[in-house]
Amino acid sequence: MTIVGFHNSHEQVHPAALLAATQRAEEAGFDAAMCSDHWAPWSVRQGHSGFAWTWLGAAMATTQLPFGVVNAPGQRYHPAIIAQAVASLGAMFPGRFWVALGSGENVNEHITGAGWPPKAARDARLRECVDVIRALLDGEEVTHDGLVTVDRAKLWTLPDEKPLLVGPAVTPATARAHAAWADGLVTVNQDPETLRQVVHEYRDAGGRGEIALQVHVSWAPDEATALAVAREQWRSQVFGPPVAWDLDTPEAFDSIGDHAGDDAVRRSVLVDHDPARLADRLSELVAIGFDAVYLHQVATDPMPDDEKHDDAAPTRTPRSATLEAFIDMAAEHLLPQLRG
């Protein structure tokens, strides 16, 4: 049975609204959740970027869902710190946490002032970080001198069940390289032929574990609104690597996103207003060879002030009406078909 998860985009939504959405997703029947780990959004219009690791503790404590996060160790994060974060969540929530370890994007990593290494160096640094993190999770004391430096690090709180270290990949070449170390693979929606190659290269190289697909979706009750939302929120992120790796500010992404046409947006986001057709489109992608699919509704509108509280329990906790509407629609129309 396909795992159907809910993706939480910290770049787009206030962390409190994401927490409310994830809780609603669990109530609606979603099987799992994942989130991004960003310093900055992809676009000034998105306007958020909460700290993923703080949020994960709250989300996992207030739901029973398994969670994953996509993270880039080596520059903004020292790998020993990531190992400690992974170990603590794994110890508190056994069997419910995984982390996807990637080589990163400059929009997040430039804040260290260390310079942005070329892709080959970033890939080599990632492999060192993976080895350090895995050794620490195995209970070893680690000293390492390479592209990252570690001095006599040891984790004092270890999980009984080690969280999976997953490889995030956009290209077939990266998927093949990750097969040497990853406990699973996660990728994002793109043209079906490329997705087939990603799956094939990972499995052909001996890649183990589950393969998951994160799908960007813009659903609204009418087609015009669905496309307008996709353009407003995601047109700056329709460009693949190396552009997505190398630009360093949301403003830079916005400057190129203004030139993205509707066809480019539709290639990056499943834009639809018909739930049955959207379910069919998602099912076709899952059938390529994915064990799990995580749905990312790219709309973000905040709940109006007069809907943020009721007479019984006044609150000003941010919520997203669009995310809640998407979750309700997905529960009725998408989850039953995707699970099949």
Protein backbone atom coordinates (compact mmCIF):
# COMPACT_ATOMS: atom_id res chain seq x y z
CA MET A 1 0.00 0.00 0.00
CA THR A 2 1.35 3.43 -0.93
CA ILE A 3 2.16 5.75 1.98
CA VAL A 4 0.44 9.11 1.45
CA GLY A 5 2.11 11.94 3.33
CA PHE A 6 1.67 15.68 3.81
CA HIS A 7 4.57 18.02 3.05
CA ASN A 8 5.10 21.08 5.25
CA SER A 9 6.78 23.97 3.43
CA HIS A 10 8.49 26.15 6.01
CA GLU A 11 9.38 28.61 3.26
CA GLN A 12 5.74 29.46 2.70
CA VAL A 13 3.76 29.06 5.90
CA HIS A 14 4.02 30.26 9.51
CA PRO A 15 5.18 27.31 11.67
CA ALA A 16 2.07 27.49 13.86
CA ALA A 17 -0.15 27.24 10.78
CA LEU A 18 1.91 24.28 9.55
CA LEU A 19 1.48 22.57 12.91
CA ALA A 20 -2.30 23.03 12.73
CA ALA A 21 -2.31 21.72 9.15
CA THR A 22 -0.30 18.63 10.05
CA GLN A 23 -2.62 17.85 12.95
CA ARG A 24 -5.58 18.21 10.60
CA ALA A 25 -3.84 15.98 8.04
CA GLU A 26 -3.46 13.22 10.63
CA GLU A 27 -7.14 13.52 11.54
CA ALA A 28 -8.04 13.36 7.84
CA GLY A 29 -6.14 10.09 7.38
CA PHE A 30 -2.73 11.01 6.00
CA ASP A 31 -0.13 8.36 6.83
CA ALA A 32 2.98 10.50 7.33
CA ALA A 33 4.50 13.96 7.04
CA MET A 34 7.73 15.63 6.04
CA CYS A 35 9.11 19.15 6.01
CA SER A 36 11.77 21.34 4.43
CA ASP A 37 14.72 22.81 6.33
CA HIS A 38 15.46 26.29 4.96
CA TRP A 39 17.10 29.47 6.15
CA ALA A 40 15.31 31.55 3.50
CA PRO A 41 12.28 31.16 1.26
CA TRP A 42 12.55 30.69 -2.49
CA SER A 43 10.67 33.95 -3.06
CA VAL A 44 10.03 37.16 -1.15
CA ARG A 45 6.34 36.49 -1.79
CA GLN A 46 6.49 33.29 0.25
CA GLY A 47 7.64 35.26 3.27
CA HIS A 48 8.48 32.59 5.88
CA SER A 49 11.21 30.23 6.96
CA GLY A 50 10.67 28.76 10.42
CA PHE A 51 13.29 26.55 12.06
CA ALA A 52 12.50 22.98 11.08
CA TRP A 53 14.10 21.23 14.05
CA THR A 54 12.18 23.22 16.65
CA TRP A 55 8.98 22.60 14.71
CA LEU A 56 9.64 18.85 14.40
CA GLY A 57 9.69 18.43 18.17
CA ALA A 58 6.29 20.10 18.46
CA ALA A 59 4.81 18.25 15.50
CA MET A 60 5.97 14.83 16.60
CA ALA A 61 4.83 15.43 20.19
CA THR A 62 1.32 16.43 19.11
CA THR A 63 0.70 13.77 16.43
CA GLN A 64 1.49 10.09 15.96
CA LEU A 65 2.71 10.48 12.37
CA PRO A 66 6.16 9.45 11.17
CA PHE A 67 8.15 12.47 9.98
CA GLY A 68 11.08 13.23 7.72
CA VAL A 69 13.12 16.35 6.99
CA VAL A 70 15.43 17.30 4.13
CA ASN A 71 18.68 18.70 5.52
CA ALA A 72 22.08 19.81 4.22
CA PRO A 73 24.96 19.12 6.66
CA GLY A 74 28.46 20.47 6.14
CA GLN A 75 28.22 24.25 5.98
CA ARG A 76 25.29 25.85 7.81
CA TYR A 77 25.16 22.78 10.08
CA HIS A 78 28.06 20.83 11.53
CA PRO A 79 27.39 17.10 10.98
CA ALA A 80 27.81 16.30 14.67
CA ILE A 81 25.01 18.73 15.51
CA ILE A 82 22.74 17.07 12.95
CA ALA A 83 23.63 13.65 14.38
CA GLN A 84 22.64 14.89 17.85
CA ALA A 85 19.34 16.30 16.55
CA VAL A 86 18.56 13.07 14.69
CA ALA A 87 19.47 10.94 17.70
CA SER A 88 17.31 12.96 20.11
CA LEU A 89 14.22 12.83 17.90
CA GLY A 90 14.83 9.14 17.31
CA ALA A 91 15.15 8.51 21.04
CA MET A 92 11.95 10.40 21.89
CA PHE A 93 9.89 9.06 18.99
CA PRO A 94 11.18 5.57 18.14
CA GLY A 95 10.72 4.46 14.55
CA ARG A 96 9.01 7.70 13.52
CA PHE A 97 11.82 9.83 12.10
CA TRP A 98 14.04 9.93 9.02
CA VAL A 99 16.35 12.57 7.59
CA ALA A 100 17.31 13.13 3.95
CA LEU A 101 20.88 14.43 3.69
CA GLY A 102 21.73 16.55 0.65
CA SER A 103 24.51 18.81 -0.60
CA GLY A 104 22.47 21.99 -0.09
CA GLU A 105 21.51 25.22 -1.86
CA ASN A 106 23.35 28.52 -1.74
CA VAL A 107 20.18 30.42 -0.78
CA ASN A 108 20.49 28.75 2.64
CA GLU A 109 24.21 28.16 3.05
CA HIS A 110 25.70 31.52 2.02
CA ILE A 111 24.92 32.99 5.46
CA THR A 112 28.07 31.39 6.90
CA GLY A 113 30.23 33.57 4.64
CA ALA A 114 32.38 30.54 3.84
CA GLY A 115 31.85 30.69 0.08
CA TRP A 116 29.86 28.30 -2.08
CA PRO A 117 31.90 25.26 -3.18
CA PRO A 118 31.51 23.68 -6.63
CA LYS A 119 29.14 20.72 -6.91
CA ALA A 120 31.86 18.06 -6.83
CA ALA A 121 33.23 19.47 -3.57
CA ARG A 122 29.75 19.68 -2.06
CA ASP A 123 29.08 16.06 -2.98
CA ALA A 124 32.37 14.96 -1.42
CA ARG A 125 31.61 16.98 1.70
CA LEU A 126 28.19 15.34 1.95
CA ARG A 127 29.74 11.85 1.87
CA GLU A 128 32.05 12.82 4.73
CA CYS A 129 29.10 14.20 6.69
CA VAL A 130 27.07 11.03 6.12
CA ASP A 131 29.95 8.89 7.39
CA VAL A 132 30.34 11.10 10.47
CA ILE A 133 26.61 11.08 11.25
CA ARG A 134 26.29 7.33 10.77
CA ALA A 135 29.31 6.61 12.96
CA LEU A 136 27.97 8.86 15.72
CA LEU A 137 24.56 7.16 15.56
CA ASP A 138 26.42 3.85 15.90
CA GLY A 139 27.80 5.10 19.22
CA GLU A 140 31.36 5.67 18.03
CA GLU A 141 33.66 8.50 19.09
CA VAL A 142 34.52 10.37 15.91
CA THR A 143 37.58 12.39 14.99
CA HIS A 144 37.75 13.46 11.36
CA ASP A 145 39.91 15.90 9.38
CA GLY A 146 38.75 16.53 5.83
CA LEU A 147 36.25 18.82 4.16
CA VAL A 148 34.62 18.86 7.60
CA THR A 149 36.48 18.64 10.89
CA VAL A 150 35.33 16.70 13.94
CA ASP A 151 37.23 16.43 17.22
CA ARG A 152 36.42 13.55 19.57
CA ALA A 153 32.65 13.77 19.15
CA LYS A 154 30.41 11.23 20.84
CA LEU A 155 26.65 11.09 21.30
CA TRP A 156 25.59 10.46 24.87
CA THR A 157 21.89 9.87 24.12
CA LEU A 158 21.30 7.28 21.40
CA PRO A 159 18.02 6.01 19.97
CA ASP A 160 17.16 2.33 20.33
CA GLU A 161 16.17 2.34 16.66
CA LYS A 162 18.45 4.35 14.40
CA PRO A 163 16.60 6.79 12.12
CA LEU A 164 17.02 6.21 8.40
CA LEU A 165 19.52 8.35 6.50
CA VAL A 166 17.84 8.99 3.14
CA GLY A 167 19.30 10.41 -0.05
CA PRO A 168 17.51 13.35 -1.74
CA ALA A 169 17.98 13.39 -5.52
CA VAL A 170 16.70 15.44 -8.45
CA THR A 171 18.89 13.97 -11.18
CA PRO A 172 19.45 10.32 -12.14
CA ALA A 173 23.20 10.74 -11.57
CA THR A 174 22.67 11.86 -7.98
CA ALA A 175 20.23 9.02 -7.37
CA ARG A 176 22.83 6.52 -8.53
CA ALA A 177 25.51 8.07 -6.33
CA HIS A 178 23.25 7.96 -3.26
CA ALA A 179 22.71 4.22 -3.69
CA ALA A 180 26.14 3.62 -2.16
CA TRP A 181 25.12 4.95 1.26
CA ALA A 182 21.41 5.80 1.54
CA ASP A 183 18.73 3.88 3.43
CA GLY A 184 16.15 5.16 0.93
CA LEU A 185 15.58 7.87 -1.67
CA VAL A 186 13.35 10.93 -1.98
CA THR A 187 12.84 13.02 -5.12
CA VAL A 188 10.46 15.69 -6.45
CA ASN A 189 7.96 15.67 -9.27
CA GLN A 190 9.29 16.39 -12.76
CA ASP A 191 8.65 14.87 -16.16
CA PRO A 192 7.76 11.16 -15.92
CA GLU A 193 10.69 9.98 -18.03
CA THR A 194 13.20 11.67 -15.72
CA LEU A 195 11.44 10.16 -12.70
CA ARG A 196 11.72 6.72 -14.30
CA GLN A 197 15.44 7.28 -14.77
CA VAL A 198 15.84 8.43 -11.15
CA VAL A 199 14.13 5.27 -9.87
CA HIS A 200 16.03 3.04 -12.29
CA GLU A 201 19.46 4.46 -11.51
CA TYR A 202 18.95 4.13 -7.77
CA ARG A 203 17.70 0.56 -7.94
CA ASP A 204 20.19 -0.46 -10.64
CA ALA A 205 23.07 0.70 -8.43
CA GLY A 206 21.76 -1.43 -5.55
CA GLY A 207 19.82 1.28 -3.75
CA ARG A 208 17.87 -0.09 -0.80
CA GLY A 209 14.81 1.00 1.13
CA GLU A 210 11.75 2.96 0.08
CA ILE A 211 11.64 5.54 -2.70
CA ALA A 212 9.46 8.56 -1.97
CA LEU A 213 8.12 11.29 -4.25
CA GLN A 214 7.29 14.82 -3.14
CA VAL A 215 4.71 16.38 -5.48
CA HIS A 216 4.01 20.11 -5.72
CA VAL A 217 0.27 20.63 -6.18
CA SER A 218 -1.84 23.72 -6.72
CA TRP A 219 -5.46 22.78 -6.22
CA ALA A 220 -8.32 25.28 -6.10
CA PRO A 221 -12.05 25.06 -6.87
CA ASP A 222 -11.48 26.62 -10.32
CA GLU A 223 -8.67 26.36 -12.86
CA ALA A 224 -7.89 30.07 -13.04
CA THR A 225 -7.36 30.32 -9.29
CA ALA A 226 -5.25 27.15 -9.21
CA LEU A 227 -2.92 28.51 -11.90
CA ALA A 228 -2.77 31.97 -10.33
CA VAL A 229 -1.77 30.48 -6.98
CA ALA A 230 0.90 28.30 -8.59
CA ARG A 231 2.34 31.32 -10.41
CA GLU A 232 2.24 33.54 -7.34
CA GLN A 233 3.87 31.04 -4.99
CA TRP A 234 6.05 28.75 -7.10
CA ARG A 235 7.15 30.43 -10.34
CA SER A 236 10.51 31.34 -8.79
CA GLN A 237 11.21 27.66 -8.16
CA VAL A 238 10.51 26.19 -11.60
CA PHE A 239 14.20 26.21 -12.50
CA GLY A 240 16.12 23.04 -11.79
CA PRO A 241 19.80 22.57 -11.07
CA PRO A 242 22.29 24.19 -11.30
CA VAL A 243 20.26 27.42 -11.01
CA ALA A 244 18.34 26.21 -7.94
CA TRP A 245 21.61 25.25 -6.25
CA ASP A 246 23.57 28.42 -6.94
CA LEU A 247 21.35 31.51 -6.56
CA ASP A 248 21.85 33.08 -3.16
CA THR A 249 18.80 35.22 -2.27
CA PRO A 250 15.01 35.11 -2.60
CA GLU A 251 15.27 38.33 -4.59
CA ALA A 252 17.51 36.58 -7.14
CA PHE A 253 14.98 33.78 -7.54
CA ASP A 254 12.21 36.36 -7.99
CA SER A 255 14.17 38.15 -10.72
CA ILE A 256 14.32 35.02 -12.87
CA GLY A 257 10.89 33.75 -11.83
CA ASP A 258 9.26 36.77 -13.41
CA HIS A 259 10.26 35.30 -16.78
CA ALA A 260 8.69 31.88 -16.15
CA GLY A 261 5.72 31.11 -18.39
CA ASP A 262 2.60 29.19 -17.49
CA ASP A 263 3.91 26.05 -19.21
CA ALA A 264 7.01 26.07 -17.00
CA VAL A 265 4.85 26.47 -13.90
CA ARG A 266 2.66 23.56 -14.96
CA ARG A 267 5.73 21.37 -15.49
CA SER A 268 6.82 22.04 -11.91
CA VAL A 269 3.40 22.01 -10.21
CA LEU A 270 0.35 19.81 -10.78
CA VAL A 271 -2.22 22.56 -11.37
CA ASP A 272 -5.79 21.26 -11.21
CA HIS A 273 -9.28 21.99 -9.98
CA ASP A 274 -10.78 18.54 -10.68
CA PRO A 275 -10.08 16.17 -7.73
CA ALA A 276 -10.69 13.03 -9.78
CA ARG A 277 -8.31 14.10 -12.52
CA LEU A 278 -5.71 15.16 -9.94
CA ALA A 279 -5.98 11.73 -8.30
CA ASP A 280 -5.37 10.08 -11.68
CA ARG A 281 -2.35 12.28 -12.39
CA LEU A 282 -0.84 11.51 -9.00
CA SER A 283 -1.53 7.79 -9.41
CA GLU A 284 0.34 7.76 -12.72
CA LEU A 285 3.40 9.27 -11.05
CA VAL A 286 3.29 6.87 -8.10
CA ALA A 287 3.01 3.92 -10.50
CA ILE A 288 6.48 4.73 -11.85
CA GLY A 289 7.86 2.97 -8.79
CA PHE A 290 7.32 4.99 -5.62
CA ASP A 291 6.54 3.55 -2.22
CA ALA A 292 5.41 6.87 -0.74
CA VAL A 293 4.07 10.17 -2.04
CA TYR A 294 4.13 13.45 -0.10
CA LEU A 295 1.65 16.09 -1.25
CA HIS A 296 2.73 19.74 -1.14
CA GLN A 297 -0.12 22.19 -1.66
CA VAL A 298 1.69 25.37 -2.68
CA ALA A 299 -1.06 27.81 -1.61
CA THR A 300 -0.58 29.56 1.71
CA ASP A 301 -3.32 32.10 2.48
CA PRO A 302 -3.80 32.86 6.20
CA MET A 303 -7.09 32.24 7.93
CA PRO A 304 -9.04 35.52 8.26
CA ASP A 305 -8.93 37.09 11.73
CA ASP A 306 -12.61 36.40 12.38
CA GLU A 307 -12.01 32.68 11.80
CA LYS A 308 -8.97 32.40 14.06
CA HIS A 309 -11.07 31.99 17.18
CA ASP A 310 -14.46 30.93 18.41
CA ASP A 311 -16.54 31.87 21.45
CA ALA A 312 -15.42 28.86 23.45
CA ALA A 313 -11.66 29.13 23.00
CA PRO A 314 -10.32 32.46 21.74
CA THR A 315 -6.95 32.12 20.02
CA ARG A 316 -4.83 33.95 17.49
CA THR A 317 -2.88 30.91 16.34
CA PRO A 318 -2.19 31.30 12.60
CA ARG A 319 -3.94 28.85 10.32
CA SER A 320 -4.24 28.41 6.57
CA ALA A 321 -7.71 28.10 5.11
CA THR A 322 -6.32 26.89 1.78
CA LEU A 323 -4.23 24.14 3.34
CA GLU A 324 -7.21 22.98 5.38
CA ALA A 325 -9.45 22.94 2.29
CA PHE A 326 -6.81 20.95 0.39
CA ILE A 327 -6.48 18.42 3.21
CA ASP A 328 -10.23 17.91 3.33
CA MET A 329 -10.39 17.47 -0.45
CA ALA A 330 -7.46 15.06 -0.39
CA ALA A 331 -9.06 12.94 2.33
CA GLU A 332 -12.16 12.49 0.23
CA HIS A 333 -10.72 12.17 -3.28
CA LEU A 334 -6.96 11.54 -3.28
CA LEU A 335 -6.07 9.27 -0.37
CA PRO A 336 -8.42 6.38 -1.23
CA GLN A 337 -7.15 6.13 -4.83
CA LEU A 338 -3.46 6.65 -4.03
CA ARG A 339 -3.49 3.98 -1.35
CA GLY A 340 -4.78 1.54 -3.94
